C-alpha atoms as a PDB file:
ATOM      1  CA  MET A   1      70.442  24.216  21.797  1.00  0.00           C
ATOM      2  CA  ALA A   2      70.555  25.511  24.976  1.00  0.00           C
ATOM      3  CA  ARG A   3      71.070  28.894  25.749  1.00  0.00           C
ATOM      4  CA  ASP A   4      74.257  29.954  28.089  1.00  0.00           C
ATOM      5  CA  PHE A   5      73.530  33.006  29.832  1.00  0.00           C
ATOM      6  CA  SER A   6      76.968  33.143  31.781  1.00  0.00           C
ATOM      7  CA  SER A   7      78.368  36.347  30.702  1.00  0.00           C
ATOM      8  CA  ARG A   8      75.652  37.554  32.377  1.00  0.00           C
ATOM      9  CA  ASN A   9      75.378  35.977  35.307  1.00  0.00           C
ATOM     10  CA  ASN A  10      75.466  38.470  38.332  1.00  0.00           C
ATOM     11  CA  THR A  11      73.314  37.135  40.718  1.00  0.00           C
ATOM     12  CA  LEU A  12      75.054  35.867  43.782  1.00  0.00           C
ATOM     13  CA  LYS A  13      77.700  38.567  43.403  1.00  0.00           C
ATOM     14  CA  ASN A  14      73.907  40.896  43.852  1.00  0.00           C
ATOM     15  CA  ILE A  15      73.399  38.438  46.424  1.00  0.00           C
ATOM     16  CA  ALA A  16      76.612  39.120  48.475  1.00  0.00           C
ATOM     17  CA  GLN A  17      76.020  42.816  48.797  1.00  0.00           C
ATOM     18  CA  LYS A  18      72.541  42.074  49.976  1.00  0.00           C
ATOM     19  CA  SER A  19      73.938  39.905  52.205  1.00  0.00           C
ATOM     20  CA  ASN A  20      74.669  42.863  54.105  1.00  0.00           C
ATOM     21  CA  MET A  21      71.244  44.086  54.460  1.00  0.00           C
ATOM     22  CA  SER A  22      69.396  43.023  56.802  1.00  0.00           C
ATOM     23  CA  ASP A  23      66.730  40.765  55.498  1.00  0.00           C
ATOM     24  CA  THR A  24      69.322  38.420  54.228  1.00  0.00           C
ATOM     25  CA  LEU A  25      71.714  36.523  56.150  1.00  0.00           C
ATOM     26  CA  VAL A  26      74.023  33.010  54.845  1.00  0.00           C
ATOM     27  CA  LEU A  27      73.230  30.492  56.888  1.00  0.00           C
ATOM     28  CA  GLU A  28      75.131  26.776  57.371  1.00  0.00           C
ATOM     29  CA  LEU A  29      71.521  25.075  56.656  1.00  0.00           C
ATOM     30  CA  ASN A  30      69.827  21.311  57.744  1.00  0.00           C
ATOM     31  CA  ILE A  31      68.775  19.998  54.227  1.00  0.00           C
ATOM     32  CA  ASP A  32      65.359  18.673  55.900  1.00  0.00           C
ATOM     33  CA  ASP A  33      64.212  22.301  56.550  1.00  0.00           C
ATOM     34  CA  ILE A  34      64.501  22.966  53.089  1.00  0.00           C
ATOM     35  CA  ILE A  35      61.942  23.405  50.404  1.00  0.00           C
ATOM     36  CA  GLU A  36      62.024  23.048  46.504  1.00  0.00           C
ATOM     37  CA  ASN A  37      59.531  25.790  44.929  1.00  0.00           C
ATOM     38  CA  PRO A  38      56.629  23.808  43.079  1.00  0.00           C
ATOM     39  CA  ASP A  39      56.833  26.371  39.494  1.00  0.00           C
ATOM     40  CA  ASN A  40      60.913  25.428  39.516  1.00  0.00           C
ATOM     41  CA  GLU A  41      60.377  22.187  37.513  1.00  0.00           C
ATOM     42  CA  LYS A  42      57.036  23.384  36.035  1.00  0.00           C
ATOM     43  CA  ILE A  43      59.359  25.624  34.147  1.00  0.00           C
ATOM     44  CA  PHE A  44      63.443  24.242  33.979  1.00  0.00           C
ATOM     45  CA  ASN A  45      64.413  21.178  33.779  1.00  0.00           C
ATOM     46  CA  MET A  46      66.760  18.845  36.492  1.00  0.00           C
ATOM     47  CA  ASP A  47      68.447  17.208  34.050  1.00  0.00           C
ATOM     48  CA  GLY A  48      72.433  16.433  34.807  1.00  0.00           C
ATOM     49  CA  ILE A  49      72.390  16.165  38.707  1.00  0.00           C
ATOM     50  CA  GLU A  50      73.782  12.959  38.467  1.00  0.00           C
ATOM     51  CA  HIS A  51      76.373  14.895  37.257  1.00  0.00           C
ATOM     52  CA  LEU A  52      76.767  18.076  39.043  1.00  0.00           C
ATOM     53  CA  ALA A  53      77.150  15.765  42.240  1.00  0.00           C
ATOM     54  CA  GLN A  54      79.622  13.705  40.758  1.00  0.00           C
ATOM     55  CA  GLY A  55      81.590  17.642  40.444  1.00  0.00           C
ATOM     56  CA  ILE A  56      80.742  18.389  44.247  1.00  0.00           C
ATOM     57  CA  GLU A  57      82.241  14.873  45.347  1.00  0.00           C
ATOM     58  CA  GLU A  58      84.958  15.648  43.375  1.00  0.00           C
ATOM     59  CA  LYS A  59      86.003  19.494  43.855  1.00  0.00           C
ATOM     60  CA  GLY A  60      83.812  19.939  47.125  1.00  0.00           C
ATOM     61  CA  PHE A  61      80.662  22.460  47.156  1.00  0.00           C
ATOM     62  CA  ASN A  62      80.932  26.179  45.914  1.00  0.00           C
ATOM     63  CA  GLY A  63      78.741  29.240  46.769  1.00  0.00           C
ATOM     64  CA  ALA A  64      75.505  28.972  48.344  1.00  0.00           C
ATOM     65  CA  ILE A  65      71.641  28.486  47.242  1.00  0.00           C
ATOM     66  CA  GLU A  66      68.914  31.731  47.573  1.00  0.00           C
ATOM     67  CA  VAL A  67      65.969  30.390  49.947  1.00  0.00           C
ATOM     68  CA  PHE A  68      62.615  32.634  51.301  1.00  0.00           C
ATOM     69  CA  LYS A  69      61.914  32.272  54.527  1.00  0.00           C
ATOM     70  CA  LEU A  70      58.480  30.444  55.619  1.00  0.00           C
ATOM     71  CA  ASP A  71      56.077  31.722  58.241  1.00  0.00           C
ATOM     72  CA  ASN A  72      56.430  27.995  59.349  1.00  0.00           C
ATOM     73  CA  GLY A  73      59.636  27.915  60.011  1.00  0.00           C
ATOM     74  CA  LYS A  74      60.889  25.939  56.577  1.00  0.00           C
ATOM     75  CA  TYR A  75      62.809  27.905  54.143  1.00  0.00           C
ATOM     76  CA  GLU A  76      61.900  27.568  50.434  1.00  0.00           C
ATOM     77  CA  ILE A  77      64.813  27.707  47.141  1.00  0.00           C
ATOM     78  CA  CYS A  78      64.463  30.156  45.605  1.00  0.00           C
ATOM     79  CA  SER A  79      67.489  29.417  43.406  1.00  0.00           C
ATOM     80  CA  GLY A  80      69.881  26.359  43.202  1.00  0.00           C
ATOM     81  CA  HIS A  81      67.228  23.507  42.895  1.00  0.00           C
ATOM     82  CA  ARG A  82      69.645  21.778  41.071  1.00  0.00           C
ATOM     83  CA  ARG A  83      72.700  21.934  43.200  1.00  0.00           C
ATOM     84  CA  PHE A  84      70.224  21.183  46.215  1.00  0.00           C
ATOM     85  CA  ARG A  85      69.199  17.798  44.792  1.00  0.00           C
ATOM     86  CA  ALA A  86      72.601  16.483  43.796  1.00  0.00           C
ATOM     87  CA  MET A  87      73.736  17.464  47.649  1.00  0.00           C
ATOM     88  CA  LYS A  88      70.676  15.129  49.063  1.00  0.00           C
ATOM     89  CA  GLN A  89      71.474  12.879  46.777  1.00  0.00           C
ATOM     90  CA  LEU A  90      74.675  12.751  48.192  1.00  0.00           C
ATOM     91  CA  GLY A  91      74.092  12.238  51.576  1.00  0.00           C
ATOM     92  CA  LYS A  92      75.225  15.902  52.683  1.00  0.00           C
ATOM     93  CA  LYS A  93      73.205  17.009  55.586  1.00  0.00           C
ATOM     94  CA  THR A  94      72.971  20.546  55.205  1.00  0.00           C
ATOM     95  CA  ILE A  95      74.242  23.824  52.860  1.00  0.00           C
ATOM     96  CA  LYS A  96      74.750  26.849  52.512  1.00  0.00           C
ATOM     97  CA  ALA A  97      72.746  29.120  52.011  1.00  0.00           C
ATOM     98  CA  ILE A  98      71.844  32.382  51.654  1.00  0.00           C
ATOM     99  CA  VAL A  99      68.688  33.131  53.711  1.00  0.00           C
ATOM    100  CA  SER A 100      65.858  36.673  52.535  1.00  0.00           C
ATOM    101  CA  GLU A 101      62.730  37.558  54.971  1.00  0.00           C
ATOM    102  CA  ASN A 102      59.982  39.437  53.902  1.00  0.00           C
ATOM    103  CA  VAL A 103      59.879  38.757  50.025  1.00  0.00           C
ATOM    104  CA  ASN A 104      56.302  38.988  48.093  1.00  0.00           C
ATOM    105  CA  ASP A 105      55.515  36.699  45.351  1.00  0.00           C
ATOM    106  CA  VAL A 106      56.387  39.237  42.170  1.00  0.00           C
ATOM    107  CA  GLU A 107      60.236  39.562  43.518  1.00  0.00           C
ATOM    108  CA  LYS A 108      59.851  35.938  44.906  1.00  0.00           C
ATOM    109  CA  ALA A 109      59.439  34.950  40.782  1.00  0.00           C
ATOM    110  CA  GLU A 110      62.350  37.555  39.688  1.00  0.00           C
ATOM    111  CA  ARG A 111      64.823  35.727  42.352  1.00  0.00           C
ATOM    112  CA  LEU A 112      63.720  32.107  40.724  1.00  0.00           C
ATOM    113  CA  LEU A 113      64.237  33.304  37.064  1.00  0.00           C
ATOM    114  CA  ASP A 114      66.570  34.886  37.805  1.00  0.00           C
ATOM    115  CA  GLY A 115      68.549  32.715  39.115  1.00  0.00           C
ATOM    116  CA  ASN A 116      68.074  30.363  36.133  1.00  0.00           C
ATOM    117  CA  ILE A 117      67.997  32.108  33.151  1.00  0.00           C
ATOM    118  CA  PHE A 118      71.995  33.747  34.437  1.00  0.00           C
ATOM    119  CA  ASN A 119      73.348  30.664  35.722  1.00  0.00           C
ATOM    120  CA  ARG A 120      72.773  27.806  33.825  1.00  0.00           C
ATOM    121  CA  LYS A 121      72.021  26.464  30.114  1.00  0.00           C
ATOM    122  CA  LEU A 122      68.814  26.525  28.864  1.00  0.00           C
ATOM    123  CA  SER A 123      66.950  24.751  26.497  1.00  0.00           C
ATOM    124  CA  PRO A 124      64.435  26.180  23.823  1.00  0.00           C
ATOM    125  CA  LEU A 125      61.254  24.987  26.074  1.00  0.00           C
ATOM    126  CA  ASP A 126      63.674  26.546  29.520  1.00  0.00           C
ATOM    127  CA  MET A 127      63.453  29.744  27.612  1.00  0.00           C
ATOM    128  CA  GLY A 128      59.685  29.025  26.528  1.00  0.00           C
ATOM    129  CA  ARG A 129      58.116  28.748  30.288  1.00  0.00           C
ATOM    130  CA  ALA A 130      60.857  30.844  31.511  1.00  0.00           C
ATOM    131  CA  ILE A 131      59.680  33.756  29.084  1.00  0.00           C
ATOM    132  CA  LYS A 132      55.316  32.214  29.786  1.00  0.00           C
ATOM    133  CA  TYR A 133      56.378  32.534  33.717  1.00  0.00           C
ATOM    134  CA  TYR A 134      57.746  35.818  33.681  1.00  0.00           C
ATOM    135  CA  LYS A 135      54.959  37.515  31.606  1.00  0.00           C
ATOM    136  CA  GLU A 136      52.049  36.178  33.723  1.00  0.00           C
ATOM    137  CA  ASN A 137      54.056  36.313  38.087  1.00  0.00           C
ATOM    138  CA  VAL A 138      55.934  39.164  37.027  1.00  0.00           C
ATOM    139  CA  LEU A 139      54.562  42.049  34.007  1.00  0.00           C
ATOM    140  CA  LYS A 140      51.046  41.252  34.740  1.00  0.00           C
ATOM    141  CA  GLN A 141      51.608  41.606  38.205  1.00  0.00           C
ATOM    142  CA  LYS A 142      53.195  44.490  38.147  1.00  0.00           C
ATOM    143  CA  GLU A 143      50.274  45.551  36.002  1.00  0.00           C
ATOM    144  CA  PHE A 144      53.037  46.366  33.549  1.00  0.00           C
ATOM    145  CA  LYS A 145      51.614  48.587  30.842  1.00  0.00           C
ATOM    146  CA  GLY A 146      54.265  49.154  28.381  1.00  0.00           C
ATOM    147  CA  ASP A 147      55.730  46.905  25.209  1.00  0.00           C
ATOM    148  CA  VAL A 148      55.998  43.517  26.520  1.00  0.00           C
ATOM    149  CA  ARG A 149      57.883  41.632  24.775  1.00  0.00           C
ATOM    150  CA  LYS A 150      60.174  44.492  24.345  1.00  0.00           C
ATOM    151  CA  ALA A 151      59.983  44.486  28.405  1.00  0.00           C
ATOM    152  CA  VAL A 152      60.901  40.183  28.159  1.00  0.00           C
ATOM    153  CA  ALA A 153      63.404  40.741  25.079  1.00  0.00           C
ATOM    154  CA  TYR A 154      65.025  43.182  27.819  1.00  0.00           C
ATOM    155  CA  LYS A 155      65.152  40.442  30.456  1.00  0.00           C
ATOM    156  CA  PHE A 156      66.456  36.973  28.674  1.00  0.00           C
ATOM    157  CA  ASN A 157      68.566  39.499  26.308  1.00  0.00           C
ATOM    158  CA  ILE A 158      67.809  37.779  22.911  1.00  0.00           C
ATOM    159  CA  SER A 159      65.774  39.988  19.656  1.00  0.00           C
ATOM    160  CA  GLU A 160      61.911  40.303  20.185  1.00  0.00           C
ATOM    161  CA  SER A 161      61.236  37.731  17.002  1.00  0.00           C
ATOM    162  CA  GLN A 162      62.808  34.735  18.814  1.00  0.00           C
ATOM    163  CA  VAL A 163      60.630  35.758  22.294  1.00  0.00           C
ATOM    164  CA  TYR A 164      57.842  34.847  20.273  1.00  0.00           C
ATOM    165  CA  LYS A 165      59.846  31.378  18.897  1.00  0.00           C
ATOM    166  CA  TYR A 166      60.190  30.280  22.104  1.00  0.00           C
ATOM    167  CA  GLU A 167      57.736  30.914  23.682  1.00  0.00           C
ATOM    168  CA  ALA A 168      55.860  29.382  20.691  1.00  0.00           C
ATOM    169  CA  LEU A 169      57.542  26.040  21.295  1.00  0.00           C
ATOM    170  CA  LEU A 170      54.552  25.999  24.187  1.00  0.00           C
ATOM    171  CA  ASN A 171      51.989  25.216  21.033  1.00  0.00           C
ATOM    172  CA  LEU A 172      53.877  22.372  20.313  1.00  0.00           C
ATOM    173  CA  ILE A 173      52.015  18.804  21.043  1.00  0.00           C
ATOM    174  CA  PRO A 174      54.458  17.064  23.824  1.00  0.00           C
ATOM    175  CA  GLU A 175      55.169  14.418  21.630  1.00  0.00           C
ATOM    176  CA  VAL A 176      57.309  16.758  19.273  1.00  0.00           C
ATOM    177  CA  GLN A 177      58.426  18.887  22.537  1.00  0.00           C
ATOM    178  CA  GLU A 178      60.479  16.031  23.475  1.00  0.00           C
ATOM    179  CA  LYS A 179      62.128  15.594  20.289  1.00  0.00           C
ATOM    180  CA  VAL A 180      62.586  19.438  20.732  1.00  0.00           C
ATOM    181  CA  ALA A 181      63.999  18.721  24.140  1.00  0.00           C
ATOM    182  CA  GLU A 182      66.153  15.691  23.268  1.00  0.00           C
ATOM    183  CA  ASN A 183      68.004  17.522  20.306  1.00  0.00           C
ATOM    184  CA  VAL A 184      66.030  15.354  17.585  1.00  0.00           C
ATOM    185  CA  ILE A 185      64.799  18.348  16.065  1.00  0.00           C
ATOM    186  CA  ALA A 186      66.017  21.916  15.757  1.00  0.00           C
ATOM    187  CA  PHE A 187      63.398  24.176  17.608  1.00  0.00           C
ATOM    188  CA  SER A 188      63.622  26.212  14.722  1.00  0.00           C
ATOM    189  CA  ALA A 189      62.930  23.883  11.893  1.00  0.00           C
ATOM    190  CA  VAL A 190      59.296  23.323  14.554  1.00  0.00           C
ATOM    191  CA  THR A 191      58.655  26.874  14.373  1.00  0.00           C
ATOM    192  CA  SER A 192      55.839  26.867  11.263  1.00  0.00           C
ATOM    193  CA  MET A 193      54.324  23.809  13.822  1.00  0.00           C
ATOM    194  CA  THR A 194      53.323  25.976  16.320  1.00  0.00           C
ATOM    195  CA  ASN A 195      50.291  27.490  14.547  1.00  0.00           C
ATOM    196  CA  LEU A 196      48.998  24.293  13.435  1.00  0.00           C
ATOM    197  CA  ASP A 197      45.408  22.527  15.778  1.00  0.00           C
ATOM    198  CA  GLU A 198      47.068  19.614  17.426  1.00  0.00           C
ATOM    199  CA  SER A 199      45.199  16.673  14.960  1.00  0.00           C
ATOM    200  CA  LEU A 200      47.826  17.736  11.853  1.00  0.00           C
ATOM    201  CA  GLN A 201      50.638  18.055  14.223  1.00  0.00           C
ATOM    202  CA  LEU A 202      50.396  13.755  15.861  1.00  0.00           C
ATOM    203  CA  GLU A 203      50.232  13.296  12.024  1.00  0.00           C
ATOM    204  CA  ILE A 204      53.125  15.002  10.875  1.00  0.00           C
ATOM    205  CA  ASN A 205      54.823  13.506  14.815  1.00  0.00           C
ATOM    206  CA  LYS A 206      53.941  10.428  12.547  1.00  0.00           C
ATOM    207  CA  ARG A 207      55.866  11.197   9.717  1.00  0.00           C
ATOM    208  CA  PHE A 208      58.970  11.879  12.079  1.00  0.00           C
ATOM    209  CA  ASP A 209      58.681   9.008  13.644  1.00  0.00           C
ATOM    210  CA  LYS A 210      58.686   6.417  10.408  1.00  0.00           C
ATOM    211  CA  PHE A 211      61.106   9.230   8.824  1.00  0.00           C
ATOM    212  CA  ILE A 212      63.531   8.415  11.775  1.00  0.00           C
ATOM    213  CA  GLU A 213      62.843   4.570  11.940  1.00  0.00           C
ATOM    214  CA  GLN A 214      63.557   4.078   7.715  1.00  0.00           C
ATOM    215  CA  ASN A 215      66.968   6.409   8.128  1.00  0.00           C
ATOM    216  CA  GLY A 216      67.727   7.110  12.092  1.00  0.00           C
ATOM    217  CA  GLU A 217      67.677   9.200  14.836  1.00  0.00           C
ATOM    218  CA  ASN A 218      69.838  11.517  13.714  1.00  0.00           C
ATOM    219  CA  SER A 219      68.391  12.049   9.881  1.00  0.00           C
ATOM    220  CA  LEU A 220      65.297  14.690  10.729  1.00  0.00           C
ATOM    221  CA  THR A 221      67.872  17.118   8.964  1.00  0.00           C
ATOM    222  CA  ARG A 222      66.488  21.070   8.977  1.00  0.00           C
ATOM    223  CA  ASP A 223      65.447  21.113   5.928  1.00  0.00           C
ATOM    224  CA  ILE A 224      64.052  17.307   5.514  1.00  0.00           C
ATOM    225  CA  VAL A 225      61.742  18.924   9.188  1.00  0.00           C
ATOM    226  CA  GLN A 226      60.081  21.650   6.861  1.00  0.00           C
ATOM    227  CA  LYS A 227      59.633  19.484   4.240  1.00  0.00           C
ATOM    228  CA  ILE A 228      57.666  17.009   6.144  1.00  0.00           C
ATOM    229  CA  ILE A 229      55.476  19.396   7.461  1.00  0.00           C
ATOM    230  CA  LYS A 230      54.666  21.785   4.393  1.00  0.00           C
ATOM    231  CA  MET A 231      53.925  18.454   2.581  1.00  0.00           C
ATOM    232  CA  ALA A 232      51.471  17.344   5.180  1.00  0.00           C
ATOM    233  CA  SER A 233      49.727  20.696   5.538  1.00  0.00           C
ATOM    234  CA  ILE A 234      49.571  21.011   1.689  1.00  0.00           C
ATOM    235  CA  LYS A 235      47.312  17.395   2.118  1.00  0.00           C
ATOM    236  CA  SER A 236      45.521  18.963   4.887  1.00  0.00           C
ATOM    237  CA  GLU A 237      43.996  21.547   2.769  1.00  0.00           C
ATOM    238  CA  GLU A 238      43.464  19.627   0.026  1.00  0.00           C
ATOM    239  CA  VAL A 239      41.304  17.627   2.591  1.00  0.00           C
ATOM    240  CA  GLU A 240      39.544  21.201   3.634  1.00  0.00           C
ATOM    241  CA  GLU A 241      39.004  21.674   0.296  1.00  0.00           C
ATOM    242  CA  ALA A 242      37.182  17.806   0.023  1.00  0.00           C
ATOM    243  CA  ILE A 243      34.906  19.302   2.238  1.00  0.00           C
ATOM    244  CA  GLU A 244      34.424  22.204   1.491  1.00  0.00           C
ATOM    245  CA  VAL A 245      33.308  20.957  -1.826  1.00  0.00           C
ATOM    246  CA  PRO A 246      30.663  19.082  -0.910  1.00  0.00           C
ATOM    247  CA  LYS A 247      29.192  22.165   1.557  1.00  0.00           C
ATOM    248  CA  ALA A 248      29.988  24.127  -0.808  1.00  0.00           C
ATOM    249  CA  ASN A 249      27.526  22.144  -3.646  1.00  0.00           C
ATOM    250  CA  ILE A 250      24.956  21.853  -0.604  1.00  0.00           C
ATOM    251  CA  ALA A 251      24.224  25.805  -0.966  1.00  0.00           C
ATOM    252  CA  ASN A 252      24.465  25.760  -4.987  1.00  0.00           C
ATOM    253  CA  THR A 253      22.001  23.304  -5.060  1.00  0.00           C
ATOM    254  CA  VAL A 254      19.728  24.486  -2.669  1.00  0.00           C
ATOM    255  CA  ILE A 255      20.183  27.802  -4.287  1.00  0.00           C
ATOM    256  CA  THR A 256      18.987  26.102  -7.958  1.00  0.00           C
ATOM    257  CA  ASN A 257      16.179  24.087  -6.391  1.00  0.00           C
ATOM    258  CA  GLU A 258      15.279  27.110  -5.654  1.00  0.00           C
ATOM    259  CA  HIS A 259      15.979  28.693  -9.209  1.00  0.00           C
ATOM    260  CA  GLU A 260      14.560  24.687 -11.159  1.00  0.00           C
ATOM    261  CA  ASP A 261      11.322  24.940  -8.838  1.00  0.00           C
ATOM    262  CA  GLU A 262      10.803  28.974  -9.720  1.00  0.00           C
ATOM    263  CA  LYS A 263      11.629  27.640 -13.458  1.00  0.00           C
ATOM    264  CA  GLU A 264       8.704  24.623 -13.071  1.00  0.00           C
ATOM    265  CA  ILE A 265       6.457  27.532 -11.915  1.00  0.00           C
ATOM    266  CA  GLU A 266       7.565  29.649 -15.274  1.00  0.00           C
ATOM    267  CA  ASN A 267       6.822  27.156 -17.421  1.00  0.00           C
ATOM    268  CA  GLU A 268       3.784  25.399 -16.031  1.00  0.00           C
ATOM    269  CA  VAL A 269       2.234  29.050 -16.204  1.00  0.00           C
ATOM    270  CA  GLU A 270       4.454  29.556 -20.031  1.00  0.00           C
ATOM    271  CA  GLY A 271       2.496  25.829 -20.518  1.00  0.00           C
ATOM    272  CA  GLU A 272      -0.874  27.201 -20.079  1.00  0.00           C
ATOM    273  CA  HIS A 273      -0.487  29.722 -22.304  1.00  0.00           C
ATOM    274  CA  GLU A 274       0.377  27.225 -24.779  1.00  0.00           C
ATOM    275  CA  ASP A 275      -2.515  25.454 -24.824  1.00  0.00           C
ATOM    276  CA  GLU A 276      -4.812  28.575 -24.386  1.00  0.00           C
ATOM    277  CA  ARG A 277      -2.392  29.479 -27.403  1.00  0.00           C
ATOM    278  CA  ARG A 278      -3.004  25.425 -28.786  1.00  0.00           C
ATOM    279  CA  ILE A 279      -7.016  26.688 -28.659  1.00  0.00           C
ATOM    280  CA  GLU A 280      -6.783  29.513 -30.213  1.00  0.00           C
ATOM    281  CA  ASP A 281      -4.909  28.108 -33.297  1.00  0.00           C
ATOM    282  CA  GLU A 282      -7.933  25.728 -33.526  1.00  0.00           C
ATOM    283  CA  ILE A 283      -9.888  27.037 -33.398  1.00  0.00           C
ATOM    284  CA  GLU A 284      -8.368  29.581 -36.340  1.00  0.00           C
ATOM    285  CA  GLU A 285      -8.255  26.224 -38.236  1.00  0.00           C
ATOM    286  CA  GLU A 286     -11.848  26.113 -37.520  1.00  0.00           C
ATOM    287  CA  TYR A 287     -12.506  28.928 -38.887  1.00  0.00           C
ATOM    288  CA  GLU A 288      -9.902  28.952 -41.479  1.00  0.00           C
ATOM    289  CA  ASP A 289     -11.545  25.382 -42.688  1.00  0.00           C
ATOM    290  CA  GLU A 290     -15.048  26.387 -42.987  1.00  0.00           C
ATOM    291  CA  LYS A 291     -14.327  29.844 -44.426  1.00  0.00           C
ATOM    292  CA  GLU A 292     -12.128  27.465 -46.816  1.00  0.00           C
ATOM    293  CA  ILE A 293     -15.493  25.110 -47.383  1.00  0.00           C
ATOM    294  CA  GLU A 294     -18.185  27.762 -48.005  1.00  0.00           C
ATOM    295  CA  ASN A 295     -15.486  29.107 -50.537  1.00  0.00           C
ATOM    296  CA  GLU A 296     -15.480  25.669 -51.850  1.00  0.00           C
ATOM    297  CA  ILE A 297     -19.117  26.015 -52.010  1.00  0.00           C
ATOM    298  CA  THR A 298     -19.989  28.815 -53.573  1.00  0.00           C
ATOM    299  CA  GLU A 299     -17.085  28.187 -56.854  1.00  0.00           C
ATOM    300  CA  ASP A 300     -19.121  25.107 -56.917  1.00  0.00           C
ATOM    301  CA  ASP A 301     -22.357  26.970 -56.881  1.00  0.00           C
ATOM    302  CA  LYS A 302     -20.851  29.444 -59.246  1.00  0.00           C
ATOM    303  CA  VAL A 303     -19.639  26.515 -61.377  1.00  0.00           C
ATOM    304  CA  GLU A 304     -23.225  24.814 -61.286  1.00  0.00           C
ATOM    305  CA  ILE A 305     -25.044  28.587 -62.341  1.00  0.00           C
ATOM    306  CA  LYS A 306     -22.529  28.618 -65.429  1.00  0.00           C
ATOM    307  CA  THR A 307     -23.387  25.686 -66.565  1.00  0.00           C
ATOM    308  CA  ASN A 308     -27.328  25.527 -66.310  1.00  0.00           C
ATOM    309  CA  ASP A 309     -27.112  28.984 -67.785  1.00  0.00           C
ATOM    310  CA  ASP A 310     -24.885  27.636 -70.682  1.00  0.00           C
ATOM    311  CA  ILE A 311     -27.685  24.690 -71.136  1.00  0.00           C
ATOM    312  CA  GLU A 312     -30.956  27.020 -70.783  1.00  0.00           C
ATOM    313  CA  LEU A 313     -29.004  29.306 -73.471  1.00  0.00           C
ATOM    314  CA  LYS A 314     -27.981  26.059 -75.767  1.00  0.00           C
ATOM    315  CA  SER A 315     -31.497  25.182 -75.090  1.00  0.00           C
ATOM    316  CA  SER A 316     -32.495  28.544 -75.539  1.00  0.00           C
ATOM    317  CA  ILE A 317     -30.937  27.950 -79.168  1.00  0.00           C
ATOM    318  CA  SER A 318     -32.528  24.877 -80.036  1.00  0.00           C
ATOM    319  CA  ASN A 319     -35.534  26.123 -79.282  1.00  0.00           C
ATOM    320  CA  GLU A 320     -35.338  28.534 -81.711  1.00  0.00           C
ATOM    321  CA  ALA A 321     -33.569  26.876 -84.214  1.00  0.00           C
ATOM    322  CA  GLY A 322     -36.412  24.356 -84.280  1.00  0.00           C
ATOM    323  CA  GLU A 323     -39.065  26.933 -84.587  1.00  0.00           C
ATOM    324  CA  GLN A 324     -37.363  28.684 -87.383  1.00  0.00           C
ATOM    325  CA  GLU A 325     -36.471  25.134 -89.022  1.00  0.00           C
ATOM    326  CA  GLU A 326     -40.537  24.361 -88.770  1.00  0.00           C
ATOM    327  CA  VAL A 327     -41.373  28.119 -90.123  1.00  0.00           C
ATOM    328  CA  LYS A 328     -39.438  27.301 -92.689  1.00  0.00           C
ATOM    329  CA  ASN A 329     -41.232  24.119 -93.177  1.00  0.00           C
ATOM    330  CA  TYR A 330     -44.768  25.897 -92.829  1.00  0.00           C
ATOM    331  CA  GLU A 331     -43.628  28.026 -95.142  1.00  0.00           C
ATOM    332  CA  ASP A 332     -42.112  25.550 -98.073  1.00  0.00           C
ATOM    333  CA  ASN A 333     -45.608  23.791 -97.628  1.00  0.00           C
ATOM    334  CA  LYS A 334     -47.770  26.483 -98.129  1.00  0.00           C
ATOM    335  CA  PHE A 335     -45.832  27.907-101.883  1.00  0.00           C
ATOM    336  CA  ASN A 336     -45.476  23.921-102.451  1.00  0.00           C
END
């Protein structure tokens, strides 16, 4: 929505007062001797020229445009660009103008702004461009040291938060700016888009176009616009997270691989230790086997010795018994 500053329109009164000064004159100038300020159309829209021309044709031209006299004899407009074009469109040869001389660049910039922001309704984008122009061509050139946002708010008779919102519109892609300019979208509904990158803004604009195609030009209400922005932003964040996960996995994989390499080395060392312990166990087992064999041999020897002893004892007993039998037989024979 355009902003109306007509309640603060004291510009012409101020200019009229200056007309009594030695460096200010009111003249009827040849239209061919007048040029437009090249900064004007970069800041302010030039819509409604035909309607303005029709009003001048019906009611006549009232007031005067404001110009600066240039060194080459021409005059540059600082206020009244639309009225000047309307007069040219009507084929007028002259126009009444208030002429100022000896004006520096900063004062020219201030008068260009004053002649527009206090005399016409400005669109949100006009406001954003005007604020930027004021900061760069007036405050910066004056080397202003105070609170810039507060100074801008005072100059444009708006709140400090509005200063931010209007200027932020300049961060929108041209396609969305056009929708704001044509009132297809309320500028306050797209404030959250101003911090998004160009690719995401393009994606959101595609969704705007699709919604308009399906539901009509006046269908993009504030709530719907904000929902579309939110949904696109959430999807973008999910994609970014999906991209970030592999990156994290790569880093984790590198770390994991390093850990696995270390673990593999540790396993190899442990394996060598296992081999040594296995060899020791095998040697121990062989020693145990030998010892067991020795024990078995010793036990067998003991059994064999005992058996031999028993045989010898039995043989000895048997021999003694035989001897006794022989002695008995001898004695028996002797007595017979």
